Amino acid sequence: MVFNTGTALLDAIVLAVVSKDMMGTYGYKITQDVRRAIDVSESTLYPVLRRLQKDECLETYDMAIDGRNRRYYRITEKGRVQLNLYKSEWAGYSGKITRIFEEARI
């Protein structure tokens, strides 16, 4: 992708992905879902997950799967408020950019 993905946009995408499942989801699945929108490595994604957890937008719990511990991430109420803010901001921002592109003469 030729456009840089800033911290806020990456946070918004991760929160949106995690919010899809009320029980939460795990890191590998989050990575795969985020990659449907943007190219991101696991080494980029895990610090985002830790930051969102530190900011109390995500909470974690562990579950044993096939004898191994898997960490799940679940969105918190604070995370839902933040996601709603991101969605509102994105709607206005992307609409303005789209209008500019549509007005361009090629």
N, C-alpha and C. Protein backbone atom coordinates (compact mmCIF):
# COMPACT_ATOMS: atom_id res chain seq x y z
N MET A 1 0.85 -1.17 0.00
CA MET A 1 0.00 0.00 0.00
C MET A 1 0.89 1.24 0.00
N VAL A 2 0.53 2.22 -0.79
CA VAL A 2 1.35 3.41 -0.90
C VAL A 2 1.09 4.41 0.22
N PHE A 3 -0.03 4.27 0.93
CA PHE A 3 -0.36 5.19 2.01
C PHE A 3 0.14 4.63 3.34
N ASN A 4 0.73 5.51 4.15
CA ASN A 4 1.18 5.09 5.48
C ASN A 4 -0.03 4.91 6.39
N THR A 5 0.07 3.91 7.25
CA THR A 5 -0.99 3.66 8.22
C THR A 5 -0.54 4.22 9.56
N GLY A 6 -1.22 5.25 10.02
CA GLY A 6 -0.86 5.88 11.29
C GLY A 6 -1.35 5.07 12.47
N THR A 7 -0.89 5.45 13.63
CA THR A 7 -1.24 4.76 14.86
C THR A 7 -2.74 4.73 15.11
N ALA A 8 -3.40 5.85 14.93
CA ALA A 8 -4.84 5.91 15.21
C ALA A 8 -5.62 5.00 14.27
N LEU A 9 -5.25 4.97 13.00
CA LEU A 9 -5.97 4.11 12.06
C LEU A 9 -5.73 2.64 12.39
N LEU A 10 -4.52 2.29 12.73
CA LEU A 10 -4.23 0.90 13.10
C LEU A 10 -4.99 0.52 14.37
N ASP A 11 -5.02 1.40 15.35
CA ASP A 11 -5.80 1.14 16.57
C ASP A 11 -7.27 0.93 16.23
N ALA A 12 -7.80 1.79 15.36
CA ALA A 12 -9.21 1.70 14.99
C ALA A 12 -9.52 0.36 14.30
N ILE A 13 -8.65 -0.06 13.39
CA ILE A 13 -8.87 -1.32 12.69
C ILE A 13 -8.81 -2.49 13.66
N VAL A 14 -7.84 -2.49 14.56
CA VAL A 14 -7.72 -3.58 15.54
C VAL A 14 -8.95 -3.61 16.45
N LEU A 15 -9.38 -2.47 16.95
CA LEU A 15 -10.58 -2.44 17.79
C LEU A 15 -11.80 -2.96 17.03
N ALA A 16 -11.94 -2.58 15.77
CA ALA A 16 -13.07 -3.05 14.97
C ALA A 16 -13.02 -4.56 14.80
N VAL A 17 -11.85 -5.10 14.53
CA VAL A 17 -11.70 -6.54 14.34
C VAL A 17 -12.03 -7.29 15.64
N VAL A 18 -11.48 -6.82 16.75
CA VAL A 18 -11.72 -7.49 18.03
C VAL A 18 -13.18 -7.38 18.45
N SER A 19 -13.83 -6.28 18.11
CA SER A 19 -15.22 -6.06 18.53
C SER A 19 -16.21 -7.01 17.86
N LYS A 20 -15.80 -7.65 16.77
CA LYS A 20 -16.72 -8.51 16.03
C LYS A 20 -17.19 -9.72 16.85
N ASP A 21 -16.39 -10.16 17.81
CA ASP A 21 -16.74 -11.35 18.60
C ASP A 21 -16.80 -10.97 20.07
N MET A 22 -17.97 -11.07 20.67
CA MET A 22 -18.16 -10.68 22.07
C MET A 22 -17.26 -11.47 23.03
N MET A 23 -16.92 -12.71 22.66
CA MET A 23 -16.06 -13.52 23.52
C MET A 23 -14.59 -13.20 23.32
N GLY A 24 -14.29 -12.41 22.31
CA GLY A 24 -12.90 -12.04 22.04
C GLY A 24 -12.29 -12.93 20.97
N THR A 25 -11.08 -12.62 20.62
CA THR A 25 -10.37 -13.37 19.59
C THR A 25 -8.88 -13.36 19.92
N TYR A 26 -8.12 -14.18 19.25
CA TYR A 26 -6.70 -14.34 19.58
C TYR A 26 -5.81 -13.68 18.52
N GLY A 27 -4.56 -13.50 18.89
CA GLY A 27 -3.61 -12.72 18.11
C GLY A 27 -3.48 -13.12 16.66
N TYR A 28 -3.32 -14.41 16.38
CA TYR A 28 -3.13 -14.85 14.99
C TYR A 28 -4.36 -14.50 14.15
N LYS A 29 -5.55 -14.74 14.68
CA LYS A 29 -6.78 -14.43 13.95
C LYS A 29 -6.92 -12.92 13.75
N ILE A 30 -6.55 -12.14 14.76
CA ILE A 30 -6.59 -10.68 14.62
C ILE A 30 -5.68 -10.26 13.47
N THR A 31 -4.48 -10.83 13.44
CA THR A 31 -3.53 -10.51 12.37
C THR A 31 -4.12 -10.83 11.00
N GLN A 32 -4.72 -11.99 10.86
CA GLN A 32 -5.30 -12.39 9.58
C GLN A 32 -6.44 -11.46 9.17
N ASP A 33 -7.29 -11.09 10.13
CA ASP A 33 -8.41 -10.19 9.83
C ASP A 33 -7.93 -8.78 9.46
N VAL A 34 -6.93 -8.28 10.17
CA VAL A 34 -6.39 -6.95 9.88
C VAL A 34 -5.76 -6.95 8.50
N ARG A 35 -5.10 -8.05 8.14
CA ARG A 35 -4.45 -8.14 6.83
C ARG A 35 -5.43 -8.10 5.67
N ARG A 36 -6.71 -8.30 5.92
CA ARG A 36 -7.71 -8.15 4.86
C ARG A 36 -7.82 -6.69 4.43
N ALA A 37 -7.43 -5.77 5.32
CA ALA A 37 -7.52 -4.34 5.03
C ALA A 37 -6.16 -3.72 4.73
N ILE A 38 -5.16 -4.07 5.52
CA ILE A 38 -3.83 -3.49 5.36
C ILE A 38 -2.77 -4.56 5.57
N ASP A 39 -1.61 -4.34 5.01
CA ASP A 39 -0.50 -5.27 5.19
C ASP A 39 0.19 -4.94 6.50
N VAL A 40 0.16 -5.88 7.44
CA VAL A 40 0.74 -5.65 8.75
C VAL A 40 1.40 -6.95 9.23
N SER A 41 2.54 -6.82 9.88
CA SER A 41 3.23 -8.00 10.41
C SER A 41 2.81 -8.23 11.86
N GLU A 42 3.01 -9.45 12.32
CA GLU A 42 2.71 -9.75 13.72
C GLU A 42 3.58 -8.90 14.64
N SER A 43 4.81 -8.62 14.22
CA SER A 43 5.70 -7.82 15.07
C SER A 43 5.20 -6.38 15.20
N THR A 44 4.39 -5.93 14.27
CA THR A 44 3.76 -4.61 14.36
C THR A 44 2.49 -4.69 15.20
N LEU A 45 1.76 -5.77 15.05
CA LEU A 45 0.44 -5.88 15.66
C LEU A 45 0.50 -6.09 17.18
N TYR A 46 1.41 -6.90 17.67
CA TYR A 46 1.42 -7.20 19.10
C TYR A 46 1.69 -5.97 19.98
N PRO A 47 2.57 -5.06 19.58
CA PRO A 47 2.69 -3.83 20.37
C PRO A 47 1.39 -3.01 20.37
N VAL A 48 0.64 -3.04 19.27
CA VAL A 48 -0.66 -2.35 19.22
C VAL A 48 -1.61 -2.97 20.23
N LEU A 49 -1.66 -4.30 20.26
CA LEU A 49 -2.52 -5.00 21.22
C LEU A 49 -2.13 -4.66 22.66
N ARG A 50 -0.83 -4.63 22.93
CA ARG A 50 -0.37 -4.29 24.29
C ARG A 50 -0.73 -2.85 24.66
N ARG A 51 -0.57 -1.93 23.70
CA ARG A 51 -0.90 -0.53 23.97
C ARG A 51 -2.40 -0.37 24.22
N LEU A 52 -3.23 -1.02 23.43
CA LEU A 52 -4.68 -0.93 23.62
C LEU A 52 -5.10 -1.56 24.95
N GLN A 53 -4.38 -2.59 25.35
CA GLN A 53 -4.64 -3.20 26.67
C GLN A 53 -4.22 -2.24 27.78
N LYS A 54 -3.06 -1.63 27.64
CA LYS A 54 -2.58 -0.66 28.64
C LYS A 54 -3.54 0.52 28.75
N ASP A 55 -4.12 0.93 27.61
CA ASP A 55 -5.06 2.05 27.59
C ASP A 55 -6.47 1.63 28.01
N GLU A 56 -6.62 0.39 28.43
CA GLU A 56 -7.88 -0.18 28.91
C GLU A 56 -8.97 -0.25 27.84
N CYS A 57 -8.53 -0.33 26.58
CA CYS A 57 -9.48 -0.51 25.48
C CYS A 57 -9.70 -2.00 25.18
N LEU A 58 -8.72 -2.82 25.57
CA LEU A 58 -8.82 -4.26 25.44
C LEU A 58 -8.50 -4.91 26.77
N GLU A 59 -9.09 -6.09 26.99
CA GLU A 59 -8.73 -6.92 28.13
C GLU A 59 -8.36 -8.30 27.59
N THR A 60 -7.62 -9.05 28.37
CA THR A 60 -7.17 -10.36 27.91
C THR A 60 -7.60 -11.44 28.88
N TYR A 61 -7.67 -12.64 28.36
CA TYR A 61 -7.82 -13.84 29.17
C TYR A 61 -7.16 -14.98 28.41
N ASP A 62 -6.74 -16.00 29.13
CA ASP A 62 -6.07 -17.14 28.52
C ASP A 62 -6.99 -18.36 28.53
N MET A 63 -6.85 -19.18 27.48
CA MET A 63 -7.63 -20.40 27.38
C MET A 63 -6.73 -21.49 26.83
N ALA A 64 -6.82 -22.67 27.42
CA ALA A 64 -6.03 -23.80 26.93
C ALA A 64 -6.69 -24.38 25.68
N ILE A 65 -5.92 -24.46 24.60
CA ILE A 65 -6.37 -25.03 23.33
C ILE A 65 -5.33 -26.07 22.92
N ASP A 66 -5.76 -27.33 22.81
CA ASP A 66 -4.86 -28.42 22.43
C ASP A 66 -3.61 -28.46 23.31
N GLY A 67 -3.79 -28.26 24.59
CA GLY A 67 -2.68 -28.33 25.53
C GLY A 67 -1.80 -27.10 25.57
N ARG A 68 -2.12 -26.08 24.78
CA ARG A 68 -1.33 -24.84 24.77
C ARG A 68 -2.21 -23.69 25.21
N ASN A 69 -1.58 -22.74 25.84
CA ASN A 69 -2.29 -21.54 26.29
C ASN A 69 -2.45 -20.57 25.13
N ARG A 70 -3.66 -20.09 24.93
CA ARG A 70 -3.90 -19.09 23.88
C ARG A 70 -4.47 -17.84 24.55
N ARG A 71 -3.87 -16.69 24.24
CA ARG A 71 -4.33 -15.43 24.81
C ARG A 71 -5.42 -14.83 23.91
N TYR A 72 -6.53 -14.51 24.53
CA TYR A 72 -7.65 -13.89 23.83
C TYR A 72 -7.75 -12.42 24.22
N TYR A 73 -8.16 -11.61 23.26
CA TYR A 73 -8.36 -10.18 23.47
C TYR A 73 -9.83 -9.88 23.28
N ARG A 74 -10.37 -9.08 24.19
CA ARG A 74 -11.78 -8.70 24.15
C ARG A 74 -11.87 -7.19 24.35
N ILE A 75 -12.76 -6.55 23.60
CA ILE A 75 -12.91 -5.10 23.70
C ILE A 75 -13.65 -4.76 24.99
N THR A 76 -13.23 -3.68 25.62
CA THR A 76 -13.87 -3.19 26.85
C THR A 76 -14.87 -2.09 26.50
N GLU A 77 -15.60 -1.64 27.49
CA GLU A 77 -16.53 -0.53 27.26
C GLU A 77 -15.77 0.72 26.81
N LYS A 78 -14.63 0.97 27.43
CA LYS A 78 -13.80 2.11 27.02
C LYS A 78 -13.35 1.94 25.57
N GLY A 79 -13.04 0.72 25.19
CA GLY A 79 -12.65 0.44 23.81
C GLY A 79 -13.79 0.68 22.84
N ARG A 80 -15.01 0.34 23.24
CA ARG A 80 -16.18 0.57 22.38
C ARG A 80 -16.42 2.07 22.18
N VAL A 81 -16.23 2.84 23.24
CA VAL A 81 -16.37 4.30 23.13
C VAL A 81 -15.32 4.83 22.15
N GLN A 82 -14.09 4.36 22.30
CA GLN A 82 -13.00 4.80 21.42
C GLN A 82 -13.28 4.39 19.97
N LEU A 83 -13.76 3.17 19.77
CA LEU A 83 -14.08 2.69 18.43
C LEU A 83 -15.18 3.54 17.80
N ASN A 84 -16.19 3.90 18.56
CA ASN A 84 -17.25 4.77 18.03
C ASN A 84 -16.70 6.13 17.62
N LEU A 85 -15.77 6.66 18.40
CA LEU A 85 -15.12 7.93 18.03
C LEU A 85 -14.35 7.76 16.72
N TYR A 86 -13.56 6.68 16.63
CA TYR A 86 -12.81 6.43 15.40
C TYR A 86 -13.74 6.29 14.20
N LYS A 87 -14.85 5.58 14.36
CA LYS A 87 -15.79 5.38 13.25
C LYS A 87 -16.38 6.71 12.80
N SER A 88 -16.72 7.55 13.73
CA SER A 88 -17.28 8.86 13.41
C SER A 88 -16.25 9.72 12.68
N GLU A 89 -15.04 9.76 13.20
CA GLU A 89 -13.97 10.54 12.58
C GLU A 89 -13.66 10.01 11.18
N TRP A 90 -13.63 8.68 11.03
CA TRP A 90 -13.31 8.08 9.75
C TRP A 90 -14.37 8.42 8.71
N ALA A 91 -15.63 8.40 9.09
CA ALA A 91 -16.71 8.70 8.15
C ALA A 91 -16.53 10.10 7.57
N GLY A 92 -16.24 11.06 8.40
CA GLY A 92 -16.03 12.43 7.91
C GLY A 92 -14.77 12.56 7.08
N TYR A 93 -13.69 12.00 7.56
CA TYR A 93 -12.39 12.09 6.89
C TYR A 93 -12.42 11.41 5.53
N SER A 94 -12.89 10.17 5.50
CA SER A 94 -12.87 9.42 4.25
C SER A 94 -13.84 10.03 3.24
N GLY A 95 -14.95 10.58 3.71
CA GLY A 95 -15.89 11.24 2.81
C GLY A 95 -15.26 12.44 2.13
N LYS A 96 -14.52 13.23 2.87
CA LYS A 96 -13.86 14.41 2.29
C LYS A 96 -12.81 14.02 1.26
N ILE A 97 -12.02 13.01 1.59
CA ILE A 97 -10.98 12.54 0.66
C ILE A 97 -11.62 11.97 -0.60
N THR A 98 -12.67 11.19 -0.44
CA THR A 98 -13.36 10.61 -1.59
C THR A 98 -13.89 11.70 -2.51
N ARG A 99 -14.48 12.74 -1.93
CA ARG A 99 -15.00 13.85 -2.74
C ARG A 99 -13.88 14.52 -3.54
N ILE A 100 -12.73 14.72 -2.91
CA ILE A 100 -11.61 15.33 -3.61
C ILE A 100 -11.17 14.44 -4.77
N PHE A 101 -11.06 13.14 -4.55
CA PHE A 101 -10.67 12.22 -5.62
C PHE A 101 -11.70 12.21 -6.73
N GLU A 102 -12.98 12.25 -6.39
CA GLU A 102 -14.02 12.22 -7.41
C GLU A 102 -14.03 13.50 -8.25
N GLU A 103 -13.60 14.61 -7.69
CA GLU A 103 -13.56 15.88 -8.41
C GLU A 103 -12.31 16.01 -9.28
N ALA A 104 -11.34 15.14 -9.07
CA ALA A 104 -10.08 15.22 -9.83
C ALA A 104 -10.31 14.94 -11.31
N ARG A 105 -9.61 15.69 -12.14
CA ARG A 105 -9.69 15.48 -13.58
C ARG A 105 -8.48 14.64 -14.00
N ILE A 106 -8.79 13.57 -14.63
CA ILE A 106 -7.70 12.66 -15.05
C ILE A 106 -7.62 12.60 -16.56
